[in-house]
């Protein structure tokens, strides 16, 4: 996928604790099922998680404010061509 083919999805919202839990549980189900679908209005994206995922968690706390940032990254590799043979002889 070239930069021109880049797909993005972003949301910045305020939600109740129960709504946030529901969204996080949806993400967990998507990871378990191997397909994550994110949609809001006309914007949507489908992601297929890899077996190896980089996880970064950052937490901050001030007097009256707390913040948790979670970042998950993985590389998508195209499937190997069928009939591929690797060896020293044919």
C-alpha atoms as a PDB file:
ATOM      1  CA  UNK A   1       0.000   0.000   0.000  1.00  0.00           C
ATOM      2  CA  UNK A   2       1.524   3.299  -1.029  1.00  0.00           C
ATOM      3  CA  UNK A   3       1.103   6.553   0.856  1.00  0.00           C
ATOM      4  CA  UNK A   4      -1.534   7.444  -1.715  1.00  0.00           C
ATOM      5  CA  UNK A   5      -3.548   4.360  -0.664  1.00  0.00           C
ATOM      6  CA  UNK A   6      -3.342   5.245   3.035  1.00  0.00           C
ATOM      7  CA  UNK A   7      -6.608   4.826   4.954  1.00  0.00           C
ATOM      8  CA  UNK A   8      -7.231   6.646   8.223  1.00  0.00           C
ATOM      9  CA  UNK A   9      -9.898   6.765  10.900  1.00  0.00           C
ATOM     10  CA  UNK A  10      -9.967   9.141  13.843  1.00  0.00           C
ATOM     11  CA  UNK A  11     -12.450   9.976  16.565  1.00  0.00           C
ATOM     12  CA  UNK A  12     -12.234  12.466  19.424  1.00  0.00           C
ATOM     13  CA  UNK A  13     -15.283  12.343  21.654  1.00  0.00           C
ATOM     14  CA  UNK A  14     -16.473  12.522  25.231  1.00  0.00           C
ATOM     15  CA  UNK A  15     -18.374   9.467  26.453  1.00  0.00           C
ATOM     16  CA  UNK A  16     -19.659   7.932  29.671  1.00  0.00           C
ATOM     17  CA  UNK A  17     -17.596   5.254  31.401  1.00  0.00           C
ATOM     18  CA  UNK A  18     -20.057   2.558  30.266  1.00  0.00           C
ATOM     19  CA  UNK A  19     -19.794   3.761  26.641  1.00  0.00           C
ATOM     20  CA  UNK A  20     -15.997   3.696  26.808  1.00  0.00           C
ATOM     21  CA  UNK A  21     -16.091   0.160  28.250  1.00  0.00           C
ATOM     22  CA  UNK A  22     -18.407  -0.916  25.408  1.00  0.00           C
ATOM     23  CA  UNK A  23     -16.016   0.521  22.797  1.00  0.00           C
ATOM     24  CA  UNK A  24     -12.987  -1.157  24.397  1.00  0.00           C
ATOM     25  CA  UNK A  25     -14.849  -4.472  24.594  1.00  0.00           C
ATOM     26  CA  UNK A  26     -15.661  -4.092  20.889  1.00  0.00           C
ATOM     27  CA  UNK A  27     -11.959  -3.670  20.152  1.00  0.00           C
ATOM     28  CA  UNK A  28     -11.124  -6.760  22.223  1.00  0.00           C
ATOM     29  CA  UNK A  29     -13.723  -8.796  20.297  1.00  0.00           C
ATOM     30  CA  UNK A  30     -12.284  -7.517  17.024  1.00  0.00           C
ATOM     31  CA  UNK A  31      -8.794  -8.649  18.029  1.00  0.00           C
ATOM     32  CA  UNK A  32     -10.139 -12.048  19.096  1.00  0.00           C
ATOM     33  CA  UNK A  33     -12.008 -12.450  15.789  1.00  0.00           C
ATOM     34  CA  UNK A  34      -9.126 -11.165  13.635  1.00  0.00           C
ATOM     35  CA  UNK A  35     -11.104  -8.251  12.169  1.00  0.00           C
ATOM     36  CA  UNK A  36     -11.563  -4.778  13.648  1.00  0.00           C
ATOM     37  CA  UNK A  37     -14.235  -2.544  12.126  1.00  0.00           C
ATOM     38  CA  UNK A  38     -14.270   1.141  13.122  1.00  0.00           C
ATOM     39  CA  UNK A  39     -16.991   3.474  11.885  1.00  0.00           C
ATOM     40  CA  UNK A  40     -18.360   6.916  12.697  1.00  0.00           C
ATOM     41  CA  UNK A  41     -20.612   8.697  10.223  1.00  0.00           C
ATOM     42  CA  UNK A  42     -19.163   8.456   6.714  1.00  0.00           C
ATOM     43  CA  UNK A  43     -15.704   7.473   7.984  1.00  0.00           C
ATOM     44  CA  UNK A  44     -14.831   3.790   8.435  1.00  0.00           C
ATOM     45  CA  UNK A  45     -11.904   1.379   8.307  1.00  0.00           C
ATOM     46  CA  UNK A  46     -11.380  -2.383   8.622  1.00  0.00           C
ATOM     47  CA  UNK A  47      -8.149  -3.655  10.185  1.00  0.00           C
ATOM     48  CA  UNK A  48      -6.770  -7.186  10.326  1.00  0.00           C
ATOM     49  CA  UNK A  49      -4.447  -7.585  13.314  1.00  0.00           C
ATOM     50  CA  UNK A  50      -1.210  -9.532  12.913  1.00  0.00           C
ATOM     51  CA  UNK A  51       0.061 -12.216  15.282  1.00  0.00           C
ATOM     52  CA  UNK A  52       2.863  -9.933  16.543  1.00  0.00           C
ATOM     53  CA  UNK A  53       1.757  -6.526  17.838  1.00  0.00           C
ATOM     54  CA  UNK A  54       3.782  -3.735  19.387  1.00  0.00           C
ATOM     55  CA  UNK A  55       2.046  -2.359  22.500  1.00  0.00           C
ATOM     56  CA  UNK A  56       2.816   0.989  24.115  1.00  0.00           C
ATOM     57  CA  UNK A  57       0.974   2.230  27.209  1.00  0.00           C
ATOM     58  CA  UNK A  58       1.547   5.639  28.745  1.00  0.00           C
ATOM     59  CA  UNK A  59      -0.269   6.922  31.834  1.00  0.00           C
ATOM     60  CA  UNK A  60      -0.146  10.373  33.395  1.00  0.00           C
ATOM     61  CA  UNK A  61      -1.798  11.846  36.440  1.00  0.00           C
ATOM     62  CA  UNK A  62      -2.036  15.462  37.544  1.00  0.00           C
ATOM     63  CA  UNK A  63      -3.975  16.869  40.486  1.00  0.00           C
ATOM     64  CA  UNK A  64      -7.399  16.805  38.821  1.00  0.00           C
ATOM     65  CA  UNK A  65      -6.745  15.007  35.535  1.00  0.00           C
ATOM     66  CA  UNK A  66      -5.637  11.548  34.445  1.00  0.00           C
ATOM     67  CA  UNK A  67      -4.745  10.210  31.012  1.00  0.00           C
ATOM     68  CA  UNK A  68      -4.006   6.816  29.485  1.00  0.00           C
ATOM     69  CA  UNK A  69      -2.679   6.464  25.941  1.00  0.00           C
ATOM     70  CA  UNK A  70      -2.643   3.024  24.350  1.00  0.00           C
ATOM     71  CA  UNK A  71      -0.949   2.469  21.005  1.00  0.00           C
ATOM     72  CA  UNK A  72      -1.001  -0.825  19.111  1.00  0.00           C
ATOM     73  CA  UNK A  73       1.045  -1.254  15.926  1.00  0.00           C
ATOM     74  CA  UNK A  74       1.580  -4.130  13.553  1.00  0.00           C
ATOM     75  CA  UNK A  75       2.755  -4.760  10.032  1.00  0.00           C
ATOM     76  CA  UNK A  76       0.521  -6.337   7.443  1.00  0.00           C
ATOM     77  CA  UNK A  77       2.328  -8.659   5.111  1.00  0.00           C
ATOM     78  CA  UNK A  78       0.797  -9.901   1.862  1.00  0.00           C
ATOM     79  CA  UNK A  79       0.167 -13.662   1.769  1.00  0.00           C
ATOM     80  CA  UNK A  80       2.897 -15.799   0.267  1.00  0.00           C
ATOM     81  CA  UNK A  81       2.290 -16.770  -3.360  1.00  0.00           C
ATOM     82  CA  UNK A  82       0.761 -20.230  -3.771  1.00  0.00           C
ATOM     83  CA  UNK A  83       3.144 -22.767  -5.168  1.00  0.00           C
ATOM     84  CA  UNK A  84       6.205 -20.959  -3.796  1.00  0.00           C
ATOM     85  CA  UNK A  85       9.133 -23.337  -3.491  1.00  0.00           C
ATOM     86  CA  UNK A  86      12.346 -22.369  -1.752  1.00  0.00           C
ATOM     87  CA  UNK A  87      15.357 -24.625  -1.962  1.00  0.00           C
ATOM     88  CA  UNK A  88      18.697 -25.303  -3.588  1.00  0.00           C
ATOM     89  CA  UNK A  89      17.362 -27.501  -6.411  1.00  0.00           C
ATOM     90  CA  UNK A  90      14.234 -27.814  -8.528  1.00  0.00           C
END
